[in-house]
């Protein structure tokens, strides 16, 4: 991967970390060591996120189809599985964020503070 691709990926990771920090009301940082260790890019509670920024992502047509089937208040989700892989769920970040917030603020540590 070239320098410009790495810079594009790092900028997207910072964008997502900033988005989550703003909406969750807590600092979310990207993992700087992940590039070296091959781990996830961002972690929020038990949610581990891999951030990918590409020119073309083929699943948007699937999300558009799911979105067209939704009525007000519905949440579109695409379930996909490649041969030899586990199924994955694709969901819009704006729909995922309340789930992340619920995970963070519904569970309390022994001292009563959010994790």
C-alpha atoms as a PDB file:
ATOM      1  CA  UNK A   1       0.000   0.000   0.000  1.00  0.00           C
ATOM      2  CA  UNK A   2       1.363   3.389  -1.000  1.00  0.00           C
ATOM      3  CA  UNK A   3       1.749   6.470   1.157  1.00  0.00           C
ATOM      4  CA  UNK A   4      -1.371   8.172  -0.231  1.00  0.00           C
ATOM      5  CA  UNK A   5      -3.520   5.100   0.488  1.00  0.00           C
ATOM      6  CA  UNK A   6      -2.205   4.916   4.056  1.00  0.00           C
ATOM      7  CA  UNK A   7      -2.856   8.640   4.547  1.00  0.00           C
ATOM      8  CA  UNK A   8      -6.393   8.258   3.157  1.00  0.00           C
ATOM      9  CA  UNK A   9      -7.049   5.346   5.533  1.00  0.00           C
ATOM     10  CA  UNK A  10      -5.649   7.183   8.563  1.00  0.00           C
ATOM     11  CA  UNK A  11      -7.734  10.273   7.755  1.00  0.00           C
ATOM     12  CA  UNK A  12     -10.875   8.134   7.550  1.00  0.00           C
ATOM     13  CA  UNK A  13     -10.068   6.472  10.893  1.00  0.00           C
ATOM     14  CA  UNK A  14      -9.686   9.935  12.481  1.00  0.00           C
ATOM     15  CA  UNK A  15     -12.978  11.020  10.874  1.00  0.00           C
ATOM     16  CA  UNK A  16     -14.828   8.025  12.345  1.00  0.00           C
ATOM     17  CA  UNK A  17     -13.167   8.464  15.756  1.00  0.00           C
ATOM     18  CA  UNK A  18     -14.239  12.132  15.764  1.00  0.00           C
ATOM     19  CA  UNK A  19     -17.778  11.243  14.668  1.00  0.00           C
ATOM     20  CA  UNK A  20     -18.108   8.687  17.469  1.00  0.00           C
ATOM     21  CA  UNK A  21     -16.525  10.993  20.067  1.00  0.00           C
ATOM     22  CA  UNK A  22     -18.995  13.751  19.226  1.00  0.00           C
ATOM     23  CA  UNK A  23     -22.079  11.527  19.291  1.00  0.00           C
ATOM     24  CA  UNK A  24     -21.116   9.328  22.243  1.00  0.00           C
ATOM     25  CA  UNK A  25     -19.894  12.162  24.449  1.00  0.00           C
ATOM     26  CA  UNK A  26     -16.560  10.515  25.199  1.00  0.00           C
ATOM     27  CA  UNK A  27     -13.175  10.459  23.547  1.00  0.00           C
ATOM     28  CA  UNK A  28     -12.805   7.690  20.978  1.00  0.00           C
ATOM     29  CA  UNK A  29      -9.337   7.311  19.492  1.00  0.00           C
ATOM     30  CA  UNK A  30      -7.989   5.276  16.638  1.00  0.00           C
ATOM     31  CA  UNK A  31      -5.444   2.633  17.545  1.00  0.00           C
ATOM     32  CA  UNK A  32      -2.105   3.769  16.235  1.00  0.00           C
ATOM     33  CA  UNK A  33      -0.413   0.389  16.739  1.00  0.00           C
ATOM     34  CA  UNK A  34      -3.037  -1.461  14.696  1.00  0.00           C
ATOM     35  CA  UNK A  35      -1.189  -0.956  11.400  1.00  0.00           C
ATOM     36  CA  UNK A  36       1.846  -2.699  12.840  1.00  0.00           C
ATOM     37  CA  UNK A  37      -0.042  -5.393  14.744  1.00  0.00           C
ATOM     38  CA  UNK A  38      -2.819  -6.005  12.211  1.00  0.00           C
ATOM     39  CA  UNK A  39      -5.582  -5.378  14.762  1.00  0.00           C
ATOM     40  CA  UNK A  40      -8.771  -3.357  14.675  1.00  0.00           C
ATOM     41  CA  UNK A  41      -8.720   0.383  14.014  1.00  0.00           C
ATOM     42  CA  UNK A  42     -11.151   1.613  16.701  1.00  0.00           C
ATOM     43  CA  UNK A  43     -12.647  -0.005  19.784  1.00  0.00           C
ATOM     44  CA  UNK A  44     -15.708   1.171  21.687  1.00  0.00           C
ATOM     45  CA  UNK A  45     -16.503  -1.152  24.577  1.00  0.00           C
ATOM     46  CA  UNK A  46     -16.723  -4.644  23.119  1.00  0.00           C
ATOM     47  CA  UNK A  47     -17.231  -3.301  19.581  1.00  0.00           C
ATOM     48  CA  UNK A  48     -14.087  -3.584  17.454  1.00  0.00           C
ATOM     49  CA  UNK A  49     -14.203  -1.691  14.185  1.00  0.00           C
ATOM     50  CA  UNK A  50     -12.137  -2.011  11.057  1.00  0.00           C
ATOM     51  CA  UNK A  51     -12.389   1.169   8.968  1.00  0.00           C
ATOM     52  CA  UNK A  52     -12.077   0.894   5.199  1.00  0.00           C
ATOM     53  CA  UNK A  53     -12.101   3.809   2.756  1.00  0.00           C
ATOM     54  CA  UNK A  54     -12.171   2.846  -0.902  1.00  0.00           C
ATOM     55  CA  UNK A  55     -13.164   4.521  -4.136  1.00  0.00           C
ATOM     56  CA  UNK A  56     -15.778   1.848  -4.866  1.00  0.00           C
ATOM     57  CA  UNK A  57     -17.740  -0.261  -2.413  1.00  0.00           C
ATOM     58  CA  UNK A  58     -20.118  -2.660  -4.124  1.00  0.00           C
ATOM     59  CA  UNK A  59     -22.550  -3.157  -1.261  1.00  0.00           C
ATOM     60  CA  UNK A  60     -24.139   0.300  -1.575  1.00  0.00           C
ATOM     61  CA  UNK A  61     -26.578  -1.051  -4.166  1.00  0.00           C
ATOM     62  CA  UNK A  62     -27.677  -3.633  -1.589  1.00  0.00           C
ATOM     63  CA  UNK A  63     -28.091  -0.933   1.069  1.00  0.00           C
ATOM     64  CA  UNK A  64     -30.120   1.180  -1.378  1.00  0.00           C
ATOM     65  CA  UNK A  65     -32.414  -1.805  -1.970  1.00  0.00           C
ATOM     66  CA  UNK A  66     -32.863  -2.363   1.775  1.00  0.00           C
ATOM     67  CA  UNK A  67     -33.447   1.359   2.331  1.00  0.00           C
ATOM     68  CA  UNK A  68     -36.165   1.481  -0.339  1.00  0.00           C
ATOM     69  CA  UNK A  69     -38.035  -1.284   1.494  1.00  0.00           C
ATOM     70  CA  UNK A  70     -38.002   0.654   4.793  1.00  0.00           C
ATOM     71  CA  UNK A  71     -40.854   2.649   6.206  1.00  0.00           C
ATOM     72  CA  UNK A  72     -40.355   5.585   8.583  1.00  0.00           C
ATOM     73  CA  UNK A  73     -38.396   4.455  11.633  1.00  0.00           C
ATOM     74  CA  UNK A  74     -37.162   1.209  10.070  1.00  0.00           C
ATOM     75  CA  UNK A  75     -33.431   0.405  10.031  1.00  0.00           C
ATOM     76  CA  UNK A  76     -31.982  -1.084   6.845  1.00  0.00           C
ATOM     77  CA  UNK A  77     -29.478  -3.897   7.320  1.00  0.00           C
ATOM     78  CA  UNK A  78     -27.785  -6.010   4.675  1.00  0.00           C
ATOM     79  CA  UNK A  79     -26.667  -9.527   5.607  1.00  0.00           C
ATOM     80  CA  UNK A  80     -24.041 -10.955   3.271  1.00  0.00           C
ATOM     81  CA  UNK A  81     -21.791 -13.989   3.224  1.00  0.00           C
ATOM     82  CA  UNK A  82     -18.978 -14.815   0.869  1.00  0.00           C
ATOM     83  CA  UNK A  83     -18.188 -18.425   0.106  1.00  0.00           C
ATOM     84  CA  UNK A  84     -16.068 -19.833   2.901  1.00  0.00           C
ATOM     85  CA  UNK A  85     -16.724 -16.887   5.247  1.00  0.00           C
ATOM     86  CA  UNK A  86     -19.112 -16.074   8.084  1.00  0.00           C
ATOM     87  CA  UNK A  87     -22.124 -13.857   7.429  1.00  0.00           C
ATOM     88  CA  UNK A  88     -21.689 -10.137   8.113  1.00  0.00           C
ATOM     89  CA  UNK A  89     -24.237  -7.399   8.781  1.00  0.00           C
ATOM     90  CA  UNK A  90     -23.948  -3.996   7.152  1.00  0.00           C
ATOM     91  CA  UNK A  91     -25.698  -1.120   8.900  1.00  0.00           C
ATOM     92  CA  UNK A  92     -25.490   2.662   8.508  1.00  0.00           C
ATOM     93  CA  UNK A  93     -23.228   4.324  11.081  1.00  0.00           C
ATOM     94  CA  UNK A  94     -26.049   6.660  12.166  1.00  0.00           C
ATOM     95  CA  UNK A  95     -28.116   3.560  13.041  1.00  0.00           C
ATOM     96  CA  UNK A  96     -25.222   1.817  14.812  1.00  0.00           C
ATOM     97  CA  UNK A  97     -24.252   4.753  17.054  1.00  0.00           C
ATOM     98  CA  UNK A  98     -27.279   4.462  19.413  1.00  0.00           C
ATOM     99  CA  UNK A  99     -26.409   0.788  19.916  1.00  0.00           C
ATOM    100  CA  UNK A 100     -22.840   1.719  20.819  1.00  0.00           C
ATOM    101  CA  UNK A 101     -24.112   4.370  23.236  1.00  0.00           C
ATOM    102  CA  UNK A 102     -26.479   1.854  24.833  1.00  0.00           C
ATOM    103  CA  UNK A 103     -23.643  -0.605  25.316  1.00  0.00           C
ATOM    104  CA  UNK A 104     -21.457   2.055  26.917  1.00  0.00           C
ATOM    105  CA  UNK A 105     -23.984   3.722  29.160  1.00  0.00           C
ATOM    106  CA  UNK A 106     -26.422   0.923  30.064  1.00  0.00           C
ATOM    107  CA  UNK A 107     -23.702  -1.237  31.625  1.00  0.00           C
ATOM    108  CA  UNK A 108     -22.128   0.114  34.777  1.00  0.00           C
ATOM    109  CA  UNK A 109     -18.802  -0.704  36.346  1.00  0.00           C
ATOM    110  CA  UNK A 110     -18.758  -1.734  40.028  1.00  0.00           C
ATOM    111  CA  UNK A 111     -18.273   1.926  40.985  1.00  0.00           C
ATOM    112  CA  UNK A 112     -21.402   2.920  39.053  1.00  0.00           C
ATOM    113  CA  UNK A 113     -19.525   4.754  36.298  1.00  0.00           C
ATOM    114  CA  UNK A 114     -20.076   4.055  32.604  1.00  0.00           C
ATOM    115  CA  UNK A 115     -17.389   1.878  31.059  1.00  0.00           C
END
